[in-house]
């Protein structure tokens, strides 16, 4: 009888797990099918080409003229390598790598939010929402640098949100390490993303009436990773700090949009839609609005990044 009861428990547990897993697999497969014909845009195609040339022996900054920072190329290097090793186009591996990032970012984000006391239905819905947001919403922005940086930054914002709600007074160091690595990686991709990390942390410090959220292990580790990356880049690719800034100014300064572009009707419409959705979600519950604030501030940080870059490119609006 005991063995029969244990078998029934295992069967029921497997059924519950399958109820959670299969919708997520469906989202990943749908995203994969959608991205096959559209992911290889001009930007990604060029960066993969640069990575393939580097694998063939060319040196970035000398044999190859590329104004984007080194990590913009290096982050696609594994996909380019697999594309040269196997009879499968490199952009297919990019899709697979980003979808793996979706799974990792979702798991780490929910872990950082401390969902241990959530109801099973709430946890399942949260996972599905994050999968859809991370895998389907980016659309034409899929696998762009902003998309990858956003996947890396989400757990950092989640941990700041958890601290703001005082749900994680003593976060496990392993969690802090993972979140700090992700946050540092995101800011290495685009230093402007410091606003996405900094504003939620400031909110958490204000809510806790303490500077402890600002001095956590994850923040120190993220800062160390950023400094190590730029220090290594200066030693290995010095032209990016001496010659290339002048070329980048010539190439990009004429493209900067007028300030009025950033508060034009389309941008204001997006903010109005976000406010309406938040109203539907949070209603008049102050606690729910307080819980949403770190994410609102992170989105504001993403918008500041968009404004500072000044180019008005659509993929830069994703954060």
C-alpha atoms as a PDB file:
ATOM      1  CA  UNK A   1       0.000   0.000   0.000  1.00  0.00           C
ATOM      2  CA  UNK A   2       2.823   2.377   0.824  1.00  0.00           C
ATOM      3  CA  UNK A   3       4.503   1.651  -2.520  1.00  0.00           C
ATOM      4  CA  UNK A   4       1.195   2.246  -4.326  1.00  0.00           C
ATOM      5  CA  UNK A   5       0.703   5.563  -2.526  1.00  0.00           C
ATOM      6  CA  UNK A   6       4.255   6.664  -3.407  1.00  0.00           C
ATOM      7  CA  UNK A   7       3.656   5.731  -7.034  1.00  0.00           C
ATOM      8  CA  UNK A   8       0.473   7.791  -7.086  1.00  0.00           C
ATOM      9  CA  UNK A   9       2.315  10.754  -5.554  1.00  0.00           C
ATOM     10  CA  UNK A  10       5.059  10.511  -8.191  1.00  0.00           C
ATOM     11  CA  UNK A  11       2.455  10.280 -10.951  1.00  0.00           C
ATOM     12  CA  UNK A  12       0.567  13.297  -9.633  1.00  0.00           C
ATOM     13  CA  UNK A  13       3.824  15.258  -9.278  1.00  0.00           C
ATOM     14  CA  UNK A  14       4.879  14.361 -12.818  1.00  0.00           C
ATOM     15  CA  UNK A  15       1.472  15.457 -14.114  1.00  0.00           C
ATOM     16  CA  UNK A  16       1.762  18.812 -12.345  1.00  0.00           C
ATOM     17  CA  UNK A  17       5.269  19.332 -13.711  1.00  0.00           C
ATOM     18  CA  UNK A  18       4.107  18.487 -17.237  1.00  0.00           C
ATOM     19  CA  UNK A  19       1.314  21.048 -16.882  1.00  0.00           C
ATOM     20  CA  UNK A  20       3.962  23.680 -16.192  1.00  0.00           C
ATOM     21  CA  UNK A  21       6.601  22.536 -18.700  1.00  0.00           C
ATOM     22  CA  UNK A  22       4.605  21.909 -21.865  1.00  0.00           C
ATOM     23  CA  UNK A  23       3.220  25.461 -22.246  1.00  0.00           C
ATOM     24  CA  UNK A  24       6.744  26.806 -21.781  1.00  0.00           C
ATOM     25  CA  UNK A  25       8.103  24.426 -24.408  1.00  0.00           C
ATOM     26  CA  UNK A  26       5.330  25.562 -26.751  1.00  0.00           C
ATOM     27  CA  UNK A  27       6.350  29.208 -26.257  1.00  0.00           C
ATOM     28  CA  UNK A  28      10.010  28.407 -26.934  1.00  0.00           C
ATOM     29  CA  UNK A  29       9.166  26.413 -30.079  1.00  0.00           C
ATOM     30  CA  UNK A  30       6.893  29.198 -31.311  1.00  0.00           C
ATOM     31  CA  UNK A  31       9.612  31.794 -30.737  1.00  0.00           C
ATOM     32  CA  UNK A  32      12.141  29.568 -32.519  1.00  0.00           C
ATOM     33  CA  UNK A  33       9.847  29.151 -35.542  1.00  0.00           C
ATOM     34  CA  UNK A  34       9.089  32.884 -35.697  1.00  0.00           C
ATOM     35  CA  UNK A  35      12.729  33.936 -35.474  1.00  0.00           C
ATOM     36  CA  UNK A  36      14.245  31.598 -38.094  1.00  0.00           C
ATOM     37  CA  UNK A  37      13.323  33.861 -41.051  1.00  0.00           C
ATOM     38  CA  UNK A  38      13.689  37.245 -39.293  1.00  0.00           C
ATOM     39  CA  UNK A  39      16.489  37.050 -36.723  1.00  0.00           C
ATOM     40  CA  UNK A  40      19.310  37.523 -39.232  1.00  0.00           C
ATOM     41  CA  UNK A  41      19.022  41.295 -39.648  1.00  0.00           C
ATOM     42  CA  UNK A  42      21.800  43.544 -40.903  1.00  0.00           C
ATOM     43  CA  UNK A  43      23.264  44.214 -37.444  1.00  0.00           C
ATOM     44  CA  UNK A  44      23.355  40.600 -36.313  1.00  0.00           C
ATOM     45  CA  UNK A  45      24.534  39.378 -39.709  1.00  0.00           C
ATOM     46  CA  UNK A  46      27.482  41.774 -39.643  1.00  0.00           C
ATOM     47  CA  UNK A  47      28.473  40.906 -36.075  1.00  0.00           C
ATOM     48  CA  UNK A  48      28.410  37.189 -36.925  1.00  0.00           C
ATOM     49  CA  UNK A  49      30.537  37.926 -40.000  1.00  0.00           C
ATOM     50  CA  UNK A  50      33.054  39.797 -37.844  1.00  0.00           C
ATOM     51  CA  UNK A  51      33.127  36.881 -35.383  1.00  0.00           C
ATOM     52  CA  UNK A  52      33.750  34.413 -38.224  1.00  0.00           C
ATOM     53  CA  UNK A  53      36.588  36.566 -39.560  1.00  0.00           C
ATOM     54  CA  UNK A  54      38.152  36.668 -36.098  1.00  0.00           C
ATOM     55  CA  UNK A  55      37.932  32.885 -35.923  1.00  0.00           C
ATOM     56  CA  UNK A  56      39.795  32.821 -39.249  1.00  0.00           C
ATOM     57  CA  UNK A  57      42.625  34.869 -37.749  1.00  0.00           C
ATOM     58  CA  UNK A  58      41.679  38.515 -38.330  1.00  0.00           C
ATOM     59  CA  UNK A  59      42.258  40.900 -35.425  1.00  0.00           C
ATOM     60  CA  UNK A  60      39.478  43.133 -34.207  1.00  0.00           C
ATOM     61  CA  UNK A  61      40.391  46.804 -34.384  1.00  0.00           C
ATOM     62  CA  UNK A  62      43.207  46.264 -36.896  1.00  0.00           C
ATOM     63  CA  UNK A  63      42.087  43.915 -39.681  1.00  0.00           C
ATOM     64  CA  UNK A  64      38.397  44.550 -39.017  1.00  0.00           C
ATOM     65  CA  UNK A  65      36.780  47.964 -38.679  1.00  0.00           C
ATOM     66  CA  UNK A  66      33.944  47.682 -36.157  1.00  0.00           C
ATOM     67  CA  UNK A  67      32.811  50.701 -34.145  1.00  0.00           C
ATOM     68  CA  UNK A  68      30.813  48.713 -31.598  1.00  0.00           C
ATOM     69  CA  UNK A  69      32.665  47.656 -28.413  1.00  0.00           C
ATOM     70  CA  UNK A  70      34.435  44.269 -28.421  1.00  0.00           C
ATOM     71  CA  UNK A  71      31.768  42.482 -26.382  1.00  0.00           C
ATOM     72  CA  UNK A  72      29.237  43.225 -29.131  1.00  0.00           C
ATOM     73  CA  UNK A  73      31.170  40.756 -31.273  1.00  0.00           C
ATOM     74  CA  UNK A  74      32.504  38.377 -28.639  1.00  0.00           C
ATOM     75  CA  UNK A  75      29.059  37.560 -27.263  1.00  0.00           C
ATOM     76  CA  UNK A  76      28.113  35.995 -30.613  1.00  0.00           C
ATOM     77  CA  UNK A  77      31.411  34.146 -30.969  1.00  0.00           C
ATOM     78  CA  UNK A  78      30.116  30.763 -29.653  1.00  0.00           C
ATOM     79  CA  UNK A  79      27.336  30.736 -32.259  1.00  0.00           C
ATOM     80  CA  UNK A  80      29.774  31.708 -35.016  1.00  0.00           C
ATOM     81  CA  UNK A  81      32.145  28.942 -33.925  1.00  0.00           C
ATOM     82  CA  UNK A  82      29.399  26.325 -33.961  1.00  0.00           C
ATOM     83  CA  UNK A  83      28.327  27.615 -37.368  1.00  0.00           C
ATOM     84  CA  UNK A  84      31.797  26.947 -38.753  1.00  0.00           C
ATOM     85  CA  UNK A  85      32.014  23.579 -37.012  1.00  0.00           C
ATOM     86  CA  UNK A  86      28.615  22.167 -38.003  1.00  0.00           C
ATOM     87  CA  UNK A  87      26.546  22.322 -41.217  1.00  0.00           C
ATOM     88  CA  UNK A  88      23.991  24.590 -39.528  1.00  0.00           C
ATOM     89  CA  UNK A  89      23.837  28.392 -40.037  1.00  0.00           C
ATOM     90  CA  UNK A  90      25.242  30.389 -37.145  1.00  0.00           C
ATOM     91  CA  UNK A  91      22.049  32.388 -36.646  1.00  0.00           C
ATOM     92  CA  UNK A  92      20.210  29.179 -35.685  1.00  0.00           C
ATOM     93  CA  UNK A  93      22.640  28.762 -32.812  1.00  0.00           C
ATOM     94  CA  UNK A  94      22.055  32.400 -31.852  1.00  0.00           C
ATOM     95  CA  UNK A  95      18.330  31.683 -31.496  1.00  0.00           C
ATOM     96  CA  UNK A  96      19.030  28.575 -29.423  1.00  0.00           C
ATOM     97  CA  UNK A  97      21.477  30.444 -27.176  1.00  0.00           C
ATOM     98  CA  UNK A  98      19.040  33.306 -26.576  1.00  0.00           C
ATOM     99  CA  UNK A  99      16.177  30.899 -25.816  1.00  0.00           C
ATOM    100  CA  UNK A 100      18.458  29.167 -23.320  1.00  0.00           C
ATOM    101  CA  UNK A 101      19.011  32.630 -21.857  1.00  0.00           C
ATOM    102  CA  UNK A 102      15.240  33.071 -21.634  1.00  0.00           C
ATOM    103  CA  UNK A 103      14.967  29.904 -19.543  1.00  0.00           C
ATOM    104  CA  UNK A 104      17.889  30.890 -17.319  1.00  0.00           C
ATOM    105  CA  UNK A 105      16.707  34.481 -16.866  1.00  0.00           C
ATOM    106  CA  UNK A 106      13.165  33.368 -16.005  1.00  0.00           C
ATOM    107  CA  UNK A 107      14.361  30.877 -13.402  1.00  0.00           C
ATOM    108  CA  UNK A 108      16.812  33.300 -11.821  1.00  0.00           C
ATOM    109  CA  UNK A 109      14.302  36.170 -11.839  1.00  0.00           C
ATOM    110  CA  UNK A 110      11.691  34.093 -10.017  1.00  0.00           C
ATOM    111  CA  UNK A 111      14.342  32.833  -7.617  1.00  0.00           C
ATOM    112  CA  UNK A 112      15.396  36.403  -6.876  1.00  0.00           C
ATOM    113  CA  UNK A 113      11.774  37.380  -6.240  1.00  0.00           C
ATOM    114  CA  UNK A 114      11.562  34.682  -3.539  1.00  0.00           C
ATOM    115  CA  UNK A 115       8.465  32.830  -4.771  1.00  0.00           C
ATOM    116  CA  UNK A 116       8.606  30.131  -2.078  1.00  0.00           C
ATOM    117  CA  UNK A 117       5.239  31.106  -0.594  1.00  0.00           C
ATOM    118  CA  UNK A 118       3.445  31.683  -3.895  1.00  0.00           C
ATOM    119  CA  UNK A 119       0.463  29.577  -4.846  1.00  0.00           C
ATOM    120  CA  UNK A 120       1.171  27.031  -7.577  1.00  0.00           C
ATOM    121  CA  UNK A 121      -1.195  28.781  -9.980  1.00  0.00           C
ATOM    122  CA  UNK A 122       0.473  32.158  -9.434  1.00  0.00           C
ATOM    123  CA  UNK A 123       3.925  30.669  -9.949  1.00  0.00           C
ATOM    124  CA  UNK A 124       2.835  28.954 -13.165  1.00  0.00           C
ATOM    125  CA  UNK A 125       1.291  32.143 -14.546  1.00  0.00           C
ATOM    126  CA  UNK A 126       4.376  34.157 -13.641  1.00  0.00           C
ATOM    127  CA  UNK A 127       6.646  31.718 -15.492  1.00  0.00           C
ATOM    128  CA  UNK A 128       4.432  31.772 -18.574  1.00  0.00           C
ATOM    129  CA  UNK A 129       4.287  35.571 -18.571  1.00  0.00           C
ATOM    130  CA  UNK A 130       8.061  35.873 -18.276  1.00  0.00           C
ATOM    131  CA  UNK A 131       8.606  33.286 -21.013  1.00  0.00           C
ATOM    132  CA  UNK A 132       6.246  35.165 -23.325  1.00  0.00           C
ATOM    133  CA  UNK A 133       7.747  38.568 -22.508  1.00  0.00           C
ATOM    134  CA  UNK A 134      11.328  37.395 -22.922  1.00  0.00           C
ATOM    135  CA  UNK A 135      10.841  35.148 -25.986  1.00  0.00           C
ATOM    136  CA  UNK A 136       7.917  36.572 -27.990  1.00  0.00           C
ATOM    137  CA  UNK A 137       7.549  40.277 -27.203  1.00  0.00           C
ATOM    138  CA  UNK A 138      11.001  41.325 -28.568  1.00  0.00           C
ATOM    139  CA  UNK A 139       9.942  40.386 -32.123  1.00  0.00           C
ATOM    140  CA  UNK A 140      12.385  41.990 -34.558  1.00  0.00           C
ATOM    141  CA  UNK A 141      14.585  42.938 -31.589  1.00  0.00           C
ATOM    142  CA  UNK A 142      15.200  39.275 -30.715  1.00  0.00           C
ATOM    143  CA  UNK A 143      18.903  38.492 -30.078  1.00  0.00           C
ATOM    144  CA  UNK A 144      19.924  42.134 -30.399  1.00  0.00           C
ATOM    145  CA  UNK A 145      22.289  43.400 -27.722  1.00  0.00           C
ATOM    146  CA  UNK A 146      19.451  45.158 -25.864  1.00  0.00           C
ATOM    147  CA  UNK A 147      17.483  41.917 -25.755  1.00  0.00           C
ATOM    148  CA  UNK A 148      20.381  39.918 -24.355  1.00  0.00           C
ATOM    149  CA  UNK A 149      21.224  42.677 -21.861  1.00  0.00           C
ATOM    150  CA  UNK A 150      17.582  42.791 -20.781  1.00  0.00           C
ATOM    151  CA  UNK A 151      17.603  39.051 -20.075  1.00  0.00           C
ATOM    152  CA  UNK A 152      20.717  39.542 -17.947  1.00  0.00           C
ATOM    153  CA  UNK A 153      19.362  42.590 -16.109  1.00  0.00           C
ATOM    154  CA  UNK A 154      15.927  41.207 -15.158  1.00  0.00           C
ATOM    155  CA  UNK A 155      17.214  39.080 -12.222  1.00  0.00           C
ATOM    156  CA  UNK A 156      19.132  42.095 -10.890  1.00  0.00           C
ATOM    157  CA  UNK A 157      15.954  44.194 -10.899  1.00  0.00           C
ATOM    158  CA  UNK A 158      14.041  41.290  -9.329  1.00  0.00           C
ATOM    159  CA  UNK A 159      16.498  41.113  -6.436  1.00  0.00           C
ATOM    160  CA  UNK A 160      16.214  44.866  -5.905  1.00  0.00           C
ATOM    161  CA  UNK A 161      12.414  44.490  -5.913  1.00  0.00           C
ATOM    162  CA  UNK A 162      12.643  41.700  -3.333  1.00  0.00           C
ATOM    163  CA  UNK A 163      14.823  43.843  -1.092  1.00  0.00           C
ATOM    164  CA  UNK A 164      12.435  46.792  -1.501  1.00  0.00           C
ATOM    165  CA  UNK A 165       9.589  44.602  -0.239  1.00  0.00           C
ATOM    166  CA  UNK A 166      11.920  43.265   2.481  1.00  0.00           C
ATOM    167  CA  UNK A 167      11.273  39.687   1.356  1.00  0.00           C
ATOM    168  CA  UNK A 168      14.962  38.789   1.157  1.00  0.00           C
ATOM    169  CA  UNK A 169      16.651  40.158   4.249  1.00  0.00           C
ATOM    170  CA  UNK A 170      19.361  37.524   3.944  1.00  0.00           C
ATOM    171  CA  UNK A 171      19.709  36.494   0.318  1.00  0.00           C
ATOM    172  CA  UNK A 172      21.829  33.402  -0.325  1.00  0.00           C
ATOM    173  CA  UNK A 173      25.312  34.337  -1.488  1.00  0.00           C
ATOM    174  CA  UNK A 174      25.026  31.971  -4.451  1.00  0.00           C
ATOM    175  CA  UNK A 175      21.959  33.875  -5.611  1.00  0.00           C
ATOM    176  CA  UNK A 176      23.703  37.216  -5.142  1.00  0.00           C
ATOM    177  CA  UNK A 177      26.715  35.965  -7.107  1.00  0.00           C
ATOM    178  CA  UNK A 178      24.584  34.798 -10.027  1.00  0.00           C
ATOM    179  CA  UNK A 179      22.567  38.024 -10.069  1.00  0.00           C
ATOM    180  CA  UNK A 180      25.711  40.162  -9.817  1.00  0.00           C
ATOM    181  CA  UNK A 181      27.339  38.352 -12.741  1.00  0.00           C
ATOM    182  CA  UNK A 182      24.215  38.865 -14.848  1.00  0.00           C
ATOM    183  CA  UNK A 183      23.945  42.552 -13.942  1.00  0.00           C
ATOM    184  CA  UNK A 184      27.618  43.162 -14.658  1.00  0.00           C
ATOM    185  CA  UNK A 185      27.334  41.406 -18.011  1.00  0.00           C
ATOM    186  CA  UNK A 186      24.343  43.580 -18.961  1.00  0.00           C
ATOM    187  CA  UNK A 187      26.222  46.776 -18.130  1.00  0.00           C
ATOM    188  CA  UNK A 188      29.262  45.567 -20.065  1.00  0.00           C
ATOM    189  CA  UNK A 189      27.036  45.250 -23.133  1.00  0.00           C
ATOM    190  CA  UNK A 190      25.663  48.763 -22.657  1.00  0.00           C
ATOM    191  CA  UNK A 191      27.034  50.941 -19.812  1.00  0.00           C
ATOM    192  CA  UNK A 192      23.837  53.006 -20.058  1.00  0.00           C
ATOM    193  CA  UNK A 193      22.056  50.098 -18.357  1.00  0.00           C
ATOM    194  CA  UNK A 194      23.493  51.324 -15.065  1.00  0.00           C
ATOM    195  CA  UNK A 195      20.252  53.331 -14.801  1.00  0.00           C
ATOM    196  CA  UNK A 196      18.192  50.129 -14.997  1.00  0.00           C
ATOM    197  CA  UNK A 197      20.189  48.721 -12.090  1.00  0.00           C
ATOM    198  CA  UNK A 198      20.683  51.896 -10.077  1.00  0.00           C
ATOM    199  CA  UNK A 199      17.153  53.307  -9.898  1.00  0.00           C
ATOM    200  CA  UNK A 200      15.551  50.128  -8.432  1.00  0.00           C
ATOM    201  CA  UNK A 201      18.422  49.847  -5.945  1.00  0.00           C
ATOM    202  CA  UNK A 202      17.873  53.437  -4.825  1.00  0.00           C
ATOM    203  CA  UNK A 203      14.177  52.663  -4.377  1.00  0.00           C
ATOM    204  CA  UNK A 204      15.052  49.584  -2.318  1.00  0.00           C
ATOM    205  CA  UNK A 205      17.363  51.656  -0.126  1.00  0.00           C
ATOM    206  CA  UNK A 206      14.639  54.247   0.420  1.00  0.00           C
ATOM    207  CA  UNK A 207      12.016  51.599   1.252  1.00  0.00           C
ATOM    208  CA  UNK A 208      14.364  49.852   3.707  1.00  0.00           C
ATOM    209  CA  UNK A 209      15.573  53.149   5.154  1.00  0.00           C
ATOM    210  CA  UNK A 210      19.073  51.720   4.816  1.00  0.00           C
ATOM    211  CA  UNK A 211      21.963  51.800   2.372  1.00  0.00           C
ATOM    212  CA  UNK A 212      22.422  48.024   2.671  1.00  0.00           C
ATOM    213  CA  UNK A 213      20.741  47.288  -0.695  1.00  0.00           C
ATOM    214  CA  UNK A 214      23.304  49.608  -2.326  1.00  0.00           C
ATOM    215  CA  UNK A 215      26.219  47.755  -0.733  1.00  0.00           C
ATOM    216  CA  UNK A 216      25.154  44.184  -1.440  1.00  0.00           C
ATOM    217  CA  UNK A 217      27.451  41.548  -2.868  1.00  0.00           C
ATOM    218  CA  UNK A 218      25.620  41.611  -6.203  1.00  0.00           C
ATOM    219  CA  UNK A 219      26.328  45.326  -6.691  1.00  0.00           C
ATOM    220  CA  UNK A 220      30.026  45.031  -5.856  1.00  0.00           C
ATOM    221  CA  UNK A 221      30.393  42.028  -8.140  1.00  0.00           C
ATOM    222  CA  UNK A 222      28.601  43.758 -11.026  1.00  0.00           C
ATOM    223  CA  UNK A 223      30.846  46.821 -10.644  1.00  0.00           C
ATOM    224  CA  UNK A 224      33.966  44.612 -10.517  1.00  0.00           C
ATOM    225  CA  UNK A 225      32.933  42.809 -13.708  1.00  0.00           C
ATOM    226  CA  UNK A 226      32.360  46.094 -15.537  1.00  0.00           C
ATOM    227  CA  UNK A 227      35.738  47.484 -14.449  1.00  0.00           C
ATOM    228  CA  UNK A 228      37.499  44.234 -15.343  1.00  0.00           C
ATOM    229  CA  UNK A 229      35.887  44.208 -18.769  1.00  0.00           C
ATOM    230  CA  UNK A 230      36.842  47.785 -19.625  1.00  0.00           C
ATOM    231  CA  UNK A 231      40.324  47.346 -18.170  1.00  0.00           C
ATOM    232  CA  UNK A 232      40.906  44.211 -20.250  1.00  0.00           C
ATOM    233  CA  UNK A 233      39.470  45.897 -23.340  1.00  0.00           C
ATOM    234  CA  UNK A 234      41.871  48.807 -22.867  1.00  0.00           C
ATOM    235  CA  UNK A 235      44.824  46.421 -22.778  1.00  0.00           C
ATOM    236  CA  UNK A 236      43.721  44.137 -25.629  1.00  0.00           C
ATOM    237  CA  UNK A 237      41.900  46.631 -27.871  1.00  0.00           C
ATOM    238  CA  UNK A 238      43.449  50.052 -27.083  1.00  0.00           C
ATOM    239  CA  UNK A 239      42.212  51.600 -30.330  1.00  0.00           C
ATOM    240  CA  UNK A 240      38.668  51.462 -28.987  1.00  0.00           C
ATOM    241  CA  UNK A 241      39.654  54.104 -26.439  1.00  0.00           C
ATOM    242  CA  UNK A 242      41.885  56.263 -28.636  1.00  0.00           C
ATOM    243  CA  UNK A 243      41.101  56.055 -32.359  1.00  0.00           C
ATOM    244  CA  UNK A 244      37.584  54.646 -32.530  1.00  0.00           C
ATOM    245  CA  UNK A 245      35.771  57.319 -30.447  1.00  0.00           C
ATOM    246  CA  UNK A 246      36.568  59.911 -33.125  1.00  0.00           C
ATOM    247  CA  UNK A 247      35.260  57.638 -35.879  1.00  0.00           C
ATOM    248  CA  UNK A 248      32.158  56.830 -33.844  1.00  0.00           C
ATOM    249  CA  UNK A 249      31.500  60.539 -33.371  1.00  0.00           C
ATOM    250  CA  UNK A 250      31.716  61.112 -37.128  1.00  0.00           C
ATOM    251  CA  UNK A 251      29.424  58.150 -37.821  1.00  0.00           C
ATOM    252  CA  UNK A 252      26.810  58.585 -35.105  1.00  0.00           C
ATOM    253  CA  UNK A 253      26.610  62.219 -34.027  1.00  0.00           C
ATOM    254  CA  UNK A 254      24.850  63.263 -37.271  1.00  0.00           C
ATOM    255  CA  UNK A 255      22.273  60.532 -36.572  1.00  0.00           C
ATOM    256  CA  UNK A 256      21.241  61.853 -33.159  1.00  0.00           C
ATOM    257  CA  UNK A 257      17.568  62.693 -32.997  1.00  0.00           C
ATOM    258  CA  UNK A 258      16.230  66.063 -31.907  1.00  0.00           C
ATOM    259  CA  UNK A 259      15.189  66.110 -28.225  1.00  0.00           C
ATOM    260  CA  UNK A 260      11.544  66.527 -29.211  1.00  0.00           C
ATOM    261  CA  UNK A 261      11.612  63.034 -30.749  1.00  0.00           C
ATOM    262  CA  UNK A 262      11.849  61.416 -27.337  1.00  0.00           C
ATOM    263  CA  UNK A 263       8.607  62.919 -26.054  1.00  0.00           C
ATOM    264  CA  UNK A 264       6.696  62.678 -29.338  1.00  0.00           C
ATOM    265  CA  UNK A 265       3.214  61.158 -29.572  1.00  0.00           C
ATOM    266  CA  UNK A 266       4.357  57.513 -30.138  1.00  0.00           C
ATOM    267  CA  UNK A 267       6.588  57.574 -27.049  1.00  0.00           C
ATOM    268  CA  UNK A 268       3.932  59.229 -24.904  1.00  0.00           C
ATOM    269  CA  UNK A 269       1.402  56.678 -26.138  1.00  0.00           C
ATOM    270  CA  UNK A 270       3.639  53.846 -24.956  1.00  0.00           C
ATOM    271  CA  UNK A 271       3.921  55.425 -21.490  1.00  0.00           C
ATOM    272  CA  UNK A 272       0.152  55.916 -21.360  1.00  0.00           C
ATOM    273  CA  UNK A 273      -0.387  52.252 -22.270  1.00  0.00           C
ATOM    274  CA  UNK A 274       2.043  51.125 -19.571  1.00  0.00           C
ATOM    275  CA  UNK A 275       0.282  53.294 -16.984  1.00  0.00           C
ATOM    276  CA  UNK A 276      -3.110  51.876 -18.003  1.00  0.00           C
ATOM    277  CA  UNK A 277      -1.865  48.291 -17.771  1.00  0.00           C
ATOM    278  CA  UNK A 278      -0.386  49.000 -14.345  1.00  0.00           C
ATOM    279  CA  UNK A 279      -3.724  50.461 -13.258  1.00  0.00           C
ATOM    280  CA  UNK A 280      -5.504  47.305 -14.405  1.00  0.00           C
ATOM    281  CA  UNK A 281      -2.942  45.150 -12.598  1.00  0.00           C
ATOM    282  CA  UNK A 282      -2.517  47.069  -9.360  1.00  0.00           C
ATOM    283  CA  UNK A 283      -5.831  48.891  -9.061  1.00  0.00           C
ATOM    284  CA  UNK A 284      -5.910  51.089  -5.969  1.00  0.00           C
ATOM    285  CA  UNK A 285      -3.820  48.804  -3.794  1.00  0.00           C
ATOM    286  CA  UNK A 286      -0.814  50.822  -2.522  1.00  0.00           C
ATOM    287  CA  UNK A 287       1.116  47.647  -1.682  1.00  0.00           C
ATOM    288  CA  UNK A 288       0.837  46.386  -5.254  1.00  0.00           C
ATOM    289  CA  UNK A 289       1.915  49.754  -6.648  1.00  0.00           C
ATOM    290  CA  UNK A 290       4.914  49.698  -4.300  1.00  0.00           C
ATOM    291  CA  UNK A 291       5.773  46.229  -5.607  1.00  0.00           C
ATOM    292  CA  UNK A 292       5.550  47.448  -9.200  1.00  0.00           C
ATOM    293  CA  UNK A 293       7.717  50.526  -8.600  1.00  0.00           C
ATOM    294  CA  UNK A 294      11.146  48.831  -9.024  1.00  0.00           C
ATOM    295  CA  UNK A 295      10.071  47.561 -12.437  1.00  0.00           C
ATOM    296  CA  UNK A 296       8.692  50.972 -13.410  1.00  0.00           C
ATOM    297  CA  UNK A 297      11.991  52.564 -12.387  1.00  0.00           C
ATOM    298  CA  UNK A 298      13.930  49.936 -14.368  1.00  0.00           C
ATOM    299  CA  UNK A 299      11.834  50.766 -17.431  1.00  0.00           C
ATOM    300  CA  UNK A 300      12.528  54.450 -16.814  1.00  0.00           C
ATOM    301  CA  UNK A 301      16.233  53.595 -16.676  1.00  0.00           C
ATOM    302  CA  UNK A 302      15.863  51.827 -20.019  1.00  0.00           C
ATOM    303  CA  UNK A 303      14.200  54.926 -21.447  1.00  0.00           C
ATOM    304  CA  UNK A 304      17.053  57.108 -20.159  1.00  0.00           C
ATOM    305  CA  UNK A 305      19.453  54.741 -21.932  1.00  0.00           C
ATOM    306  CA  UNK A 306      17.436  55.199 -25.113  1.00  0.00           C
ATOM    307  CA  UNK A 307      17.541  58.988 -24.783  1.00  0.00           C
ATOM    308  CA  UNK A 308      21.262  59.139 -23.989  1.00  0.00           C
ATOM    309  CA  UNK A 309      22.137  57.063 -27.043  1.00  0.00           C
ATOM    310  CA  UNK A 310      20.068  59.520 -29.041  1.00  0.00           C
ATOM    311  CA  UNK A 311      19.730  57.450 -32.202  1.00  0.00           C
ATOM    312  CA  UNK A 312      16.073  56.567 -31.983  1.00  0.00           C
ATOM    313  CA  UNK A 313      16.649  53.034 -33.306  1.00  0.00           C
ATOM    314  CA  UNK A 314      13.617  50.819 -32.579  1.00  0.00           C
ATOM    315  CA  UNK A 315      15.589  48.010 -30.935  1.00  0.00           C
ATOM    316  CA  UNK A 316      16.946  50.451 -28.357  1.00  0.00           C
ATOM    317  CA  UNK A 317      13.390  50.979 -27.057  1.00  0.00           C
ATOM    318  CA  UNK A 318      13.028  47.383 -25.859  1.00  0.00           C
ATOM    319  CA  UNK A 319      14.267  47.995 -22.276  1.00  0.00           C
END
